[in-house]
Each structure stands twice: as C-alpha cells, then as structure tokens.
Amino acid sequence: MTPLLSIITPVRNTELFLRECINSILAQEFEDWELILVDDGSTDHSPDICKEYSLSDTRIKYLRQSHQGQGIAKNKGISQSEGKYLTFVDSDDTVREDSYREYGNSG
C-alpha cells in the first residue's frame, strides 16, 4: 500500500543521534508513512543502525551511496519515495509525536 507521507533522512556519521531520530519517527501518532534512510557514505556505525531498523519495520527503507553530499542523498531519497507528500528530517534531529498529525486529516 502506498504511504501518504515519505520522510527522507540523509545520514552521515550520526550514530550518536540516529536511534533517537528514528525512534521519534516510529513514535508518531500518524502511521501512514515511509521512512527512507539514505546513508551518504558513513564511516561509523550509522549503516548498521539503518539496516537494523529497516529489517524491523517494513515502512523503513535503507539506501546507501558513496559520500556525495546531503543534496544528492536527498535527491536519491526523493527518487525512491512513494508518498503523496514529502518531508525531510535530519538524522541528528527528532520530531514531536504529533508532528505529522495533519497529514492524517488531509487524506
């Protein structure tokens, strides 16, 4: 089923913050989303964290590329997105659990 919202998160060496970021998305009241984690050539444990979450929730996609910058990573995520709406979350940020509530009302 096609998600209403695609959340694209470029990831680059943010292992210290990445779990908190992903968990904040998983905690959303609104659940009709996909999360696209685009690893931009991380050299820390970020790829392992991305893989772990993508295996535990089918709404999470993991993509990897060599380091090309955040803009290229965002564009790669956009090209793989399936949602009607699109948003971005930096991998060192978190979102409040009601951040996407309005998407549920727009259906």
PDB file of N, CA and C in Angstrom:
ATOM      1  N   MET A   1       0.829  -1.179   0.000  1.00  0.00           N
ATOM      2  CA  MET A   1       0.000   0.000   0.000  1.00  0.00           C
ATOM      3  C   MET A   1       0.878   1.248   0.000  1.00  0.00           C
ATOM      4  N   THR A   2       0.507   2.218  -0.801  1.00  0.00           N
ATOM      5  CA  THR A   2       1.277   3.442  -0.932  1.00  0.00           C
ATOM      6  C   THR A   2       1.089   4.328   0.297  1.00  0.00           C
ATOM      7  N   PRO A   3       2.190   4.775   0.898  1.00  0.00           N
ATOM      8  CA  PRO A   3       2.071   5.637   2.074  1.00  0.00           C
ATOM      9  C   PRO A   3       1.632   7.046   1.693  1.00  0.00           C
ATOM     10  N   LEU A   4       0.994   7.732   2.605  1.00  0.00           N
ATOM     11  CA  LEU A   4       0.605   9.110   2.367  1.00  0.00           C
ATOM     12  C   LEU A   4       1.810  10.045   2.461  1.00  0.00           C
ATOM     13  N   LEU A   5       2.745   9.730   3.347  1.00  0.00           N
ATOM     14  CA  LEU A   5       3.884  10.608   3.610  1.00  0.00           C
ATOM     15  C   LEU A   5       5.200   9.858   3.461  1.00  0.00           C
ATOM     16  N   SER A   6       6.138  10.467   2.746  1.00  0.00           N
ATOM     17  CA  SER A   6       7.507   9.952   2.670  1.00  0.00           C
ATOM     18  C   SER A   6       8.395  10.879   3.486  1.00  0.00           C
ATOM     19  N   ILE A   7       9.116  10.291   4.422  1.00  0.00           N
ATOM     20  CA  ILE A   7      10.052  11.033   5.266  1.00  0.00           C
ATOM     21  C   ILE A   7      11.456  10.634   4.825  1.00  0.00           C
ATOM     22  N   ILE A   8      12.218  11.588   4.355  1.00  0.00           N
ATOM     23  CA  ILE A   8      13.565  11.303   3.860  1.00  0.00           C
ATOM     24  C   ILE A   8      14.577  11.822   4.871  1.00  0.00           C
ATOM     25  N   THR A   9      15.487  10.933   5.258  1.00  0.00           N
ATOM     26  CA  THR A   9      16.512  11.281   6.234  1.00  0.00           C
ATOM     27  C   THR A   9      17.887  10.959   5.670  1.00  0.00           C
ATOM     28  N   PRO A  10      18.641  11.979   5.259  1.00  0.00           N
ATOM     29  CA  PRO A  10      20.033  11.746   4.868  1.00  0.00           C
ATOM     30  C   PRO A  10      20.847  11.446   6.120  1.00  0.00           C
ATOM     31  N   VAL A  11      21.728  10.473   6.025  1.00  0.00           N
ATOM     32  CA  VAL A  11      22.508  10.032   7.184  1.00  0.00           C
ATOM     33  C   VAL A  11      23.992  10.106   6.840  1.00  0.00           C
ATOM     34  N   ARG A  12      24.756  10.749   7.708  1.00  0.00           N
ATOM     35  CA  ARG A  12      26.215  10.788   7.530  1.00  0.00           C
ATOM     36  C   ARG A  12      26.865  10.870   8.904  1.00  0.00           C
ATOM     37  N   ASN A  13      27.389   9.749   9.372  1.00  0.00           N
ATOM     38  CA  ASN A  13      28.154   9.691  10.625  1.00  0.00           C
ATOM     39  C   ASN A  13      27.407  10.309  11.812  1.00  0.00           C
ATOM     40  N   THR A  14      26.184   9.876  12.012  1.00  0.00           N
ATOM     41  CA  THR A  14      25.387  10.390  13.127  1.00  0.00           C
ATOM     42  C   THR A  14      24.954   9.272  14.077  1.00  0.00           C
ATOM     43  N   GLU A  15      25.798   8.272  14.243  1.00  0.00           N
ATOM     44  CA  GLU A  15      25.442   7.126  15.080  1.00  0.00           C
ATOM     45  C   GLU A  15      25.019   7.512  16.491  1.00  0.00           C
ATOM     46  N   LEU A  16      25.527   8.614  17.011  1.00  0.00           N
ATOM     47  CA  LEU A  16      25.184   9.021  18.376  1.00  0.00           C
ATOM     48  C   LEU A  16      23.756   9.546  18.499  1.00  0.00           C
ATOM     49  N   PHE A  17      23.170   9.993  17.396  1.00  0.00           N
ATOM     50  CA  PHE A  17      21.844  10.611  17.403  1.00  0.00           C
ATOM     51  C   PHE A  17      20.804   9.822  16.612  1.00  0.00           C
ATOM     52  N   LEU A  18      21.247   8.915  15.758  1.00  0.00           N
ATOM     53  CA  LEU A  18      20.383   8.277  14.776  1.00  0.00           C
ATOM     54  C   LEU A  18      19.241   7.475  15.391  1.00  0.00           C
ATOM     55  N   ARG A  19      19.505   6.709  16.406  1.00  0.00           N
ATOM     56  CA  ARG A  19      18.435   5.923  17.048  1.00  0.00           C
ATOM     57  C   ARG A  19      17.340   6.835  17.599  1.00  0.00           C
ATOM     58  N   GLU A  20      17.740   7.904  18.251  1.00  0.00           N
ATOM     59  CA  GLU A  20      16.758   8.839  18.800  1.00  0.00           C
ATOM     60  C   GLU A  20      15.922   9.463  17.678  1.00  0.00           C
ATOM     61  N   CYS A  21      16.551   9.778  16.569  1.00  0.00           N
ATOM     62  CA  CYS A  21      15.839  10.323  15.414  1.00  0.00           C
ATOM     63  C   CYS A  21      14.807   9.324  14.894  1.00  0.00           C
ATOM     64  N   ILE A  22      15.242   8.118  14.624  1.00  0.00           N
ATOM     65  CA  ILE A  22      14.346   7.097  14.074  1.00  0.00           C
ATOM     66  C   ILE A  22      13.234   6.766  15.067  1.00  0.00           C
ATOM     67  N   ASN A  23      13.578   6.649  16.334  1.00  0.00           N
ATOM     68  CA  ASN A  23      12.562   6.344  17.346  1.00  0.00           C
ATOM     69  C   ASN A  23      11.506   7.440  17.430  1.00  0.00           C
ATOM     70  N   SER A  24      11.902   8.686  17.217  1.00  0.00           N
ATOM     71  CA  SER A  24      10.915   9.770  17.252  1.00  0.00           C
ATOM     72  C   SER A  24       9.940   9.662  16.081  1.00  0.00           C
ATOM     73  N   ILE A  25      10.396   9.147  14.973  1.00  0.00           N
ATOM     74  CA  ILE A  25       9.511   8.935  13.815  1.00  0.00           C
ATOM     75  C   ILE A  25       8.611   7.725  14.070  1.00  0.00           C
ATOM     76  N   LEU A  26       9.174   6.682  14.626  1.00  0.00           N
ATOM     77  CA  LEU A  26       8.372   5.500  14.953  1.00  0.00           C
ATOM     78  C   LEU A  26       7.283   5.806  15.978  1.00  0.00           C
ATOM     79  N   ALA A  27       7.475   6.820  16.793  1.00  0.00           N
ATOM     80  CA  ALA A  27       6.525   7.180  17.842  1.00  0.00           C
ATOM     81  C   ALA A  27       5.393   8.089  17.341  1.00  0.00           C
ATOM     82  N   GLN A  28       5.349   8.374  16.057  1.00  0.00           N
ATOM     83  CA  GLN A  28       4.328   9.268  15.519  1.00  0.00           C
ATOM     84  C   GLN A  28       2.921   8.730  15.747  1.00  0.00           C
ATOM     85  N   GLU A  29       2.012   9.617  16.093  1.00  0.00           N
ATOM     86  CA  GLU A  29       0.592   9.263  16.201  1.00  0.00           C
ATOM     87  C   GLU A  29       0.062   8.879  14.821  1.00  0.00           C
ATOM     88  N   PHE A  30       0.483   9.603  13.798  1.00  0.00           N
ATOM     89  CA  PHE A  30       0.130   9.318  12.410  1.00  0.00           C
ATOM     90  C   PHE A  30       1.065   8.217  11.917  1.00  0.00           C
ATOM     91  N   GLU A  31       0.512   7.150  11.333  1.00  0.00           N
ATOM     92  CA  GLU A  31       1.341   5.988  10.993  1.00  0.00           C
ATOM     93  C   GLU A  31       1.436   5.676   9.501  1.00  0.00           C
ATOM     94  N   ASP A  32       0.788   6.464   8.650  1.00  0.00           N
ATOM     95  CA  ASP A  32       0.789   6.179   7.212  1.00  0.00           C
ATOM     96  C   ASP A  32       1.973   6.861   6.529  1.00  0.00           C
ATOM     97  N   TRP A  33       3.151   6.413   6.870  1.00  0.00           N
ATOM     98  CA  TRP A  33       4.371   7.000   6.346  1.00  0.00           C
ATOM     99  C   TRP A  33       5.368   5.915   5.960  1.00  0.00           C
ATOM    100  N   GLU A  34       6.357   6.345   5.193  1.00  0.00           N
ATOM    101  CA  GLU A  34       7.545   5.536   4.946  1.00  0.00           C
ATOM    102  C   GLU A  34       8.738   6.398   5.329  1.00  0.00           C
ATOM    103  N   LEU A  35       9.749   5.775   5.858  1.00  0.00           N
ATOM    104  CA  LEU A  35      10.984   6.468   6.200  1.00  0.00           C
ATOM    105  C   LEU A  35      12.067   5.950   5.274  1.00  0.00           C
ATOM    106  N   ILE A  36      12.712   6.859   4.576  1.00  0.00           N
ATOM    107  CA  ILE A  36      13.796   6.491   3.673  1.00  0.00           C
ATOM    108  C   ILE A  36      15.090   7.026   4.263  1.00  0.00           C
ATOM    109  N   LEU A  37      15.909   6.107   4.748  1.00  0.00           N
ATOM    110  CA  LEU A  37      17.209   6.446   5.314  1.00  0.00           C
ATOM    111  C   LEU A  37      18.242   6.334   4.201  1.00  0.00           C
ATOM    112  N   VAL A  38      18.875   7.434   3.857  1.00  0.00           N
ATOM    113  CA  VAL A  38      19.877   7.433   2.785  1.00  0.00           C
ATOM    114  C   VAL A  38      21.237   7.686   3.413  1.00  0.00           C
ATOM    115  N   ASP A  39      22.016   6.615   3.546  1.00  0.00           N
ATOM    116  CA  ASP A  39      23.351   6.741   4.112  1.00  0.00           C
ATOM    117  C   ASP A  39      24.287   7.307   3.051  1.00  0.00           C
ATOM    118  N   ASP A  40      24.922   8.406   3.379  1.00  0.00           N
ATOM    119  CA  ASP A  40      25.813   9.108   2.456  1.00  0.00           C
ATOM    120  C   ASP A  40      27.272   8.775   2.769  1.00  0.00           C
ATOM    121  N   GLY A  41      27.588   7.494   2.725  1.00  0.00           N
ATOM    122  CA  GLY A  41      28.965   7.051   2.906  1.00  0.00           C
ATOM    123  C   GLY A  41      29.499   7.176   4.318  1.00  0.00           C
ATOM    124  N   SER A  42      28.669   6.902   5.298  1.00  0.00           N
ATOM    125  CA  SER A  42      29.106   6.981   6.699  1.00  0.00           C
ATOM    126  C   SER A  42      30.263   6.019   6.970  1.00  0.00           C
ATOM    127  N   THR A  43      31.143   6.448   7.866  1.00  0.00           N
ATOM    128  CA  THR A  43      32.279   5.610   8.258  1.00  0.00           C
ATOM    129  C   THR A  43      32.166   5.152   9.712  1.00  0.00           C
ATOM    130  N   ASP A  44      31.042   5.457  10.360  1.00  0.00           N
ATOM    131  CA  ASP A  44      30.803   5.000  11.724  1.00  0.00           C
ATOM    132  C   ASP A  44      29.796   3.846  11.682  1.00  0.00           C
ATOM    133  N   HIS A  45      29.033   3.646  12.740  1.00  0.00           N
ATOM    134  CA  HIS A  45      28.069   2.542  12.786  1.00  0.00           C
ATOM    135  C   HIS A  45      26.675   2.936  12.282  1.00  0.00           C
ATOM    136  N   SER A  46      26.558   4.081  11.665  1.00  0.00           N
ATOM    137  CA  SER A  46      25.262   4.508  11.132  1.00  0.00           C
ATOM    138  C   SER A  46      24.650   3.499  10.161  1.00  0.00           C
ATOM    139  N   PRO A  47      25.424   2.919   9.222  1.00  0.00           N
ATOM    140  CA  PRO A  47      24.824   1.931   8.316  1.00  0.00           C
ATOM    141  C   PRO A  47      24.231   0.729   9.056  1.00  0.00           C
ATOM    142  N   ASP A  48      24.892   0.266  10.099  1.00  0.00           N
ATOM    143  CA  ASP A  48      24.381  -0.868  10.876  1.00  0.00           C
ATOM    144  C   ASP A  48      23.049  -0.515  11.533  1.00  0.00           C
ATOM    145  N   ILE A  49      22.956   0.696  12.049  1.00  0.00           N
ATOM    146  CA  ILE A  49      21.723   1.148  12.694  1.00  0.00           C
ATOM    147  C   ILE A  49      20.604   1.240  11.663  1.00  0.00           C
ATOM    148  N   CYS A  50      20.905   1.797  10.503  1.00  0.00           N
ATOM    149  CA  CYS A  50      19.904   1.894   9.426  1.00  0.00           C
ATOM    150  C   CYS A  50      19.400   0.514   9.018  1.00  0.00           C
ATOM    151  N   LYS A  51      20.317  -0.416   8.832  1.00  0.00           N
ATOM    152  CA  LYS A  51      19.936  -1.781   8.450  1.00  0.00           C
ATOM    153  C   LYS A  51      19.055  -2.420   9.509  1.00  0.00           C
ATOM    154  N   GLU A  52      19.443  -2.266  10.760  1.00  0.00           N
ATOM    155  CA  GLU A  52      18.687  -2.846  11.870  1.00  0.00           C
ATOM    156  C   GLU A  52      17.232  -2.367  11.848  1.00  0.00           C
ATOM    157  N   TYR A  53      17.039  -1.076  11.703  1.00  0.00           N
ATOM    158  CA  TYR A  53      15.682  -0.542  11.707  1.00  0.00           C
ATOM    159  C   TYR A  53      14.914  -0.942  10.452  1.00  0.00           C
ATOM    160  N   SER A  54      15.581  -0.989   9.320  1.00  0.00           N
ATOM    161  CA  SER A  54      14.875  -1.360   8.084  1.00  0.00           C
ATOM    162  C   SER A  54      14.424  -2.824   8.111  1.00  0.00           C
ATOM    163  N   LEU A  55      15.139  -3.649   8.847  1.00  0.00           N
ATOM    164  CA  LEU A  55      14.743  -5.049   8.985  1.00  0.00           C
ATOM    165  C   LEU A  55      13.615  -5.234   9.996  1.00  0.00           C
ATOM    166  N   SER A  56      13.455  -4.270  10.900  1.00  0.00           N
ATOM    167  CA  SER A  56      12.449  -4.419  11.956  1.00  0.00           C
ATOM    168  C   SER A  56      11.109  -3.761  11.623  1.00  0.00           C
ATOM    169  N   ASP A  57      11.053  -2.913  10.598  1.00  0.00           N
ATOM    170  CA  ASP A  57       9.812  -2.221  10.241  1.00  0.00           C
ATOM    171  C   ASP A  57       9.756  -2.059   8.730  1.00  0.00           C
ATOM    172  N   THR A  58       8.739  -2.595   8.097  1.00  0.00           N
ATOM    173  CA  THR A  58       8.647  -2.571   6.631  1.00  0.00           C
ATOM    174  C   THR A  58       8.433  -1.164   6.075  1.00  0.00           C
ATOM    175  N   ARG A  59       8.086  -0.214   6.913  1.00  0.00           N
ATOM    176  CA  ARG A  59       7.922   1.170   6.446  1.00  0.00           C
ATOM    177  C   ARG A  59       9.254   1.879   6.284  1.00  0.00           C
ATOM    178  N   ILE A  60      10.330   1.247   6.728  1.00  0.00           N
ATOM    179  CA  ILE A  60      11.653   1.877   6.683  1.00  0.00           C
ATOM    180  C   ILE A  60      12.472   1.263   5.553  1.00  0.00           C
ATOM    181  N   LYS A  61      12.951   2.135   4.657  1.00  0.00           N
ATOM    182  CA  LYS A  61      13.827   1.717   3.560  1.00  0.00           C
ATOM    183  C   LYS A  61      15.236   2.232   3.850  1.00  0.00           C
ATOM    184  N   TYR A  62      16.211   1.431   3.481  1.00  0.00           N
ATOM    185  CA  TYR A  62      17.614   1.818   3.668  1.00  0.00           C
ATOM    186  C   TYR A  62      18.300   1.850   2.316  1.00  0.00           C
ATOM    187  N   LEU A  63      18.905   2.987   2.004  1.00  0.00           N
ATOM    188  CA  LEU A  63      19.683   3.165   0.779  1.00  0.00           C
ATOM    189  C   LEU A  63      21.086   3.609   1.170  1.00  0.00           C
ATOM    190  N   ARG A  64      22.067   3.211   0.397  1.00  0.00           N
ATOM    191  CA  ARG A  64      23.449   3.599   0.686  1.00  0.00           C
ATOM    192  C   ARG A  64      24.092   4.117  -0.591  1.00  0.00           C
ATOM    193  N   GLN A  65      24.900   5.130  -0.430  1.00  0.00           N
ATOM    194  CA  GLN A  65      25.665   5.665  -1.551  1.00  0.00           C
ATOM    195  C   GLN A  65      27.033   6.082  -1.040  1.00  0.00           C
ATOM    196  N   SER A  66      27.974   6.226  -1.965  1.00  0.00           N
ATOM    197  CA  SER A  66      29.266   6.783  -1.566  1.00  0.00           C
ATOM    198  C   SER A  66      29.041   8.248  -1.202  1.00  0.00           C
ATOM    199  N   HIS A  67      29.949   8.819  -0.446  1.00  0.00           N
ATOM    200  CA  HIS A  67      29.767  10.193   0.040  1.00  0.00           C
ATOM    201  C   HIS A  67      29.679  11.163  -1.148  1.00  0.00           C
ATOM    202  N   GLN A  68      28.494  11.752  -1.297  1.00  0.00           N
ATOM    203  CA  GLN A  68      28.261  12.716  -2.379  1.00  0.00           C
ATOM    204  C   GLN A  68      27.600  13.989  -1.869  1.00  0.00           C
ATOM    205  N   GLY A  69      27.291  14.037  -0.602  1.00  0.00           N
ATOM    206  CA  GLY A  69      26.691  15.223  -0.028  1.00  0.00           C
ATOM    207  C   GLY A  69      25.212  15.057   0.258  1.00  0.00           C
ATOM    208  N   GLN A  70      24.729  15.918   1.153  1.00  0.00           N
ATOM    209  CA  GLN A  70      23.349  15.829   1.608  1.00  0.00           C
ATOM    210  C   GLN A  70      22.341  16.059   0.486  1.00  0.00           C
ATOM    211  N   GLY A  71      22.625  16.970  -0.424  1.00  0.00           N
ATOM    212  CA  GLY A  71      21.706  17.248  -1.526  1.00  0.00           C
ATOM    213  C   GLY A  71      21.484  16.037  -2.411  1.00  0.00           C
ATOM    214  N   ILE A  72      22.549  15.352  -2.754  1.00  0.00           N
ATOM    215  CA  ILE A  72      22.459  14.148  -3.585  1.00  0.00           C
ATOM    216  C   ILE A  72      21.713  13.060  -2.815  1.00  0.00           C
ATOM    217  N   ALA A  73      21.997  12.942  -1.519  1.00  0.00           N
ATOM    218  CA  ALA A  73      21.299  11.940  -0.695  1.00  0.00           C
ATOM    219  C   ALA A  73      19.799  12.234  -0.663  1.00  0.00           C
ATOM    220  N   LYS A  74      19.428  13.492  -0.509  1.00  0.00           N
ATOM    221  CA  LYS A  74      18.003  13.855  -0.517  1.00  0.00           C
ATOM    222  C   LYS A  74      17.363  13.511  -1.856  1.00  0.00           C
ATOM    223  N   ASN A  75      18.050  13.833  -2.938  1.00  0.00           N
ATOM    224  CA  ASN A  75      17.507  13.522  -4.267  1.00  0.00           C
ATOM    225  C   ASN A  75      17.347  12.021  -4.475  1.00  0.00           C
ATOM    226  N   LYS A  76      18.279  11.241  -3.963  1.00  0.00           N
ATOM    227  CA  LYS A  76      18.161   9.780  -4.063  1.00  0.00           C
ATOM    228  C   LYS A  76      16.928   9.308  -3.296  1.00  0.00           C
ATOM    229  N   GLY A  77      16.716   9.869  -2.115  1.00  0.00           N
ATOM    230  CA  GLY A  77      15.533   9.532  -1.338  1.00  0.00           C
ATOM    231  C   GLY A  77      14.249   9.912  -2.066  1.00  0.00           C
ATOM    232  N   ILE A  78      14.235  11.092  -2.655  1.00  0.00           N
ATOM    233  CA  ILE A  78      13.058  11.539  -3.417  1.00  0.00           C
ATOM    234  C   ILE A  78      12.762  10.561  -4.548  1.00  0.00           C
ATOM    235  N   SER A  79      13.811  10.118  -5.238  1.00  0.00           N
ATOM    236  CA  SER A  79      13.610   9.216  -6.382  1.00  0.00           C
ATOM    237  C   SER A  79      13.030   7.868  -5.968  1.00  0.00           C
ATOM    238  N   GLN A  80      13.209   7.492  -4.701  1.00  0.00           N
ATOM    239  CA  GLN A  80      12.700   6.213  -4.212  1.00  0.00           C
ATOM    240  C   GLN A  80      11.419   6.350  -3.397  1.00  0.00           C
ATOM    241  N   SER A  81      10.961   7.578  -3.223  1.00  0.00           N
ATOM    242  CA  SER A  81       9.777   7.803  -2.387  1.00  0.00           C
ATOM    243  C   SER A  81       8.497   7.439  -3.126  1.00  0.00           C
ATOM    244  N   GLU A  82       7.503   7.015  -2.351  1.00  0.00           N
ATOM    245  CA  GLU A  82       6.217   6.623  -2.917  1.00  0.00           C
ATOM    246  C   GLU A  82       5.061   7.431  -2.348  1.00  0.00           C
ATOM    247  N   GLY A  83       5.314   8.271  -1.364  1.00  0.00           N
ATOM    248  CA  GLY A  83       4.257   9.005  -0.691  1.00  0.00           C
ATOM    249  C   GLY A  83       3.669  10.133  -1.529  1.00  0.00           C
ATOM    250  N   LYS A  84       2.455  10.511  -1.165  1.00  0.00           N
ATOM    251  CA  LYS A  84       1.791  11.648  -1.794  1.00  0.00           C
ATOM    252  C   LYS A  84       2.463  12.952  -1.368  1.00  0.00           C
ATOM    253  N   TYR A  85       2.902  12.990  -0.096  1.00  0.00           N
ATOM    254  CA  TYR A  85       3.584  14.153   0.462  1.00  0.00           C
ATOM    255  C   TYR A  85       5.006  13.767   0.833  1.00  0.00           C
ATOM    256  N   LEU A  86       5.864  14.783   0.937  1.00  0.00           N
ATOM    257  CA  LEU A  86       7.284  14.565   1.164  1.00  0.00           C
ATOM    258  C   LEU A  86       7.773  15.520   2.248  1.00  0.00           C
ATOM    259  N   THR A  87       8.605  14.997   3.155  1.00  0.00           N
ATOM    260  CA  THR A  87       9.241  15.846   4.162  1.00  0.00           C
ATOM    261  C   THR A  87      10.631  15.297   4.448  1.00  0.00           C
ATOM    262  N   PHE A  88      11.434  16.121   5.099  1.00  0.00           N
ATOM    263  CA  PHE A  88      12.804  15.743   5.440  1.00  0.00           C
ATOM    264  C   PHE A  88      13.019  15.878   6.940  1.00  0.00           C
ATOM    265  N   VAL A  89      13.824  14.974   7.494  1.00  0.00           N
ATOM    266  CA  VAL A  89      14.256  15.058   8.887  1.00  0.00           C
ATOM    267  C   VAL A  89      15.753  14.780   8.891  1.00  0.00           C
ATOM    268  N   ASP A  90      16.528  15.692   9.473  1.00  0.00           N
ATOM    269  CA  ASP A  90      17.965  15.457   9.600  1.00  0.00           C
ATOM    270  C   ASP A  90      18.206  14.340  10.613  1.00  0.00           C
ATOM    271  N   SER A  91      19.240  13.565  10.389  1.00  0.00           N
ATOM    272  CA  SER A  91      19.483  12.380  11.213  1.00  0.00           C
ATOM    273  C   SER A  91      19.975  12.704  12.621  1.00  0.00           C
ATOM    274  N   ASP A  92      20.255  13.953  12.903  1.00  0.00           N
ATOM    275  CA  ASP A  92      20.627  14.341  14.264  1.00  0.00           C
ATOM    276  C   ASP A  92      19.510  15.137  14.942  1.00  0.00           C
ATOM    277  N   ASP A  93      18.315  15.100  14.345  1.00  0.00           N
ATOM    278  CA  ASP A  93      17.143  15.786  14.894  1.00  0.00           C
ATOM    279  C   ASP A  93      16.091  14.779  15.338  1.00  0.00           C
ATOM    280  N   THR A  94      15.122  15.255  16.082  1.00  0.00           N
ATOM    281  CA  THR A  94      13.962  14.453  16.449  1.00  0.00           C
ATOM    282  C   THR A  94      12.713  15.245  16.095  1.00  0.00           C
ATOM    283  N   VAL A  95      11.589  14.535  16.023  1.00  0.00           N
ATOM    284  CA  VAL A  95      10.310  15.181  15.756  1.00  0.00           C
ATOM    285  C   VAL A  95       9.341  14.836  16.881  1.00  0.00           C
ATOM    286  N   ARG A  96       8.460  15.770  17.194  1.00  0.00           N
ATOM    287  CA  ARG A  96       7.441  15.519  18.220  1.00  0.00           C
ATOM    288  C   ARG A  96       6.475  14.458  17.714  1.00  0.00           C
ATOM    289  N   GLU A  97       5.851  13.725  18.618  1.00  0.00           N
ATOM    290  CA  GLU A  97       4.981  12.616  18.226  1.00  0.00           C
ATOM    291  C   GLU A  97       3.732  13.052  17.472  1.00  0.00           C
ATOM    292  N   ASP A  98       3.389  14.322  17.514  1.00  0.00           N
ATOM    293  CA  ASP A  98       2.228  14.814  16.770  1.00  0.00           C
ATOM    294  C   ASP A  98       2.624  15.615  15.523  1.00  0.00           C
ATOM    295  N   SER A  99       3.884  15.521  15.134  1.00  0.00           N
ATOM    296  CA  SER A  99       4.389  16.335  14.028  1.00  0.00           C
ATOM    297  C   SER A  99       3.649  16.122  12.713  1.00  0.00           C
ATOM    298  N   TYR A 100       3.189  14.931  12.460  1.00  0.00           N
ATOM    299  CA  TYR A 100       2.561  14.629  11.168  1.00  0.00           C
ATOM    300  C   TYR A 100       1.068  14.385  11.279  1.00  0.00           C
ATOM    301  N   ARG A 101       0.479  14.771  12.375  1.00  0.00           N
ATOM    302  CA  ARG A 101      -0.946  14.555  12.609  1.00  0.00           C
ATOM    303  C   ARG A 101      -1.808  15.147  11.497  1.00  0.00           C
ATOM    304  N   GLU A 102      -1.450  16.322  11.020  1.00  0.00           N
ATOM    305  CA  GLU A 102      -2.252  16.999   9.987  1.00  0.00           C
ATOM    306  C   GLU A 102      -2.306  16.206   8.681  1.00  0.00           C
ATOM    307  N   TYR A 103      -1.298  15.400   8.398  1.00  0.00           N
ATOM    308  CA  TYR A 103      -1.341  14.575   7.191  1.00  0.00           C
ATOM    309  C   TYR A 103      -2.518  13.598   7.248  1.00  0.00           C
ATOM    310  N   GLY A 104      -2.788  13.110   8.422  1.00  0.00           N
ATOM    311  CA  GLY A 104      -3.913  12.188   8.619  1.00  0.00           C
ATOM    312  C   GLY A 104      -5.244  12.848   8.344  1.00  0.00           C
ATOM    313  N   ASN A 105      -5.313  14.155   8.498  1.00  0.00           N
ATOM    314  CA  ASN A 105      -6.548  14.897   8.253  1.00  0.00           C
ATOM    315  C   ASN A 105      -6.677  15.354   6.808  1.00  0.00           C
ATOM    316  N   SER A 106      -5.608  15.184   6.006  1.00  0.00           N
ATOM    317  CA  SER A 106      -5.625  15.681   4.638  1.00  0.00           C
ATOM    318  C   SER A 106      -6.025  14.628   3.619  1.00  0.00           C
ATOM    319  N   GLY A 107      -5.973  13.322   4.027  1.00  0.00           N
ATOM    320  CA  GLY A 107      -6.221  12.171   3.196  1.00  0.00           C
ATOM    321  C   GLY A 107      -7.210  12.373   2.151  1.00  0.00           C
TER     322      GLY A 107
END
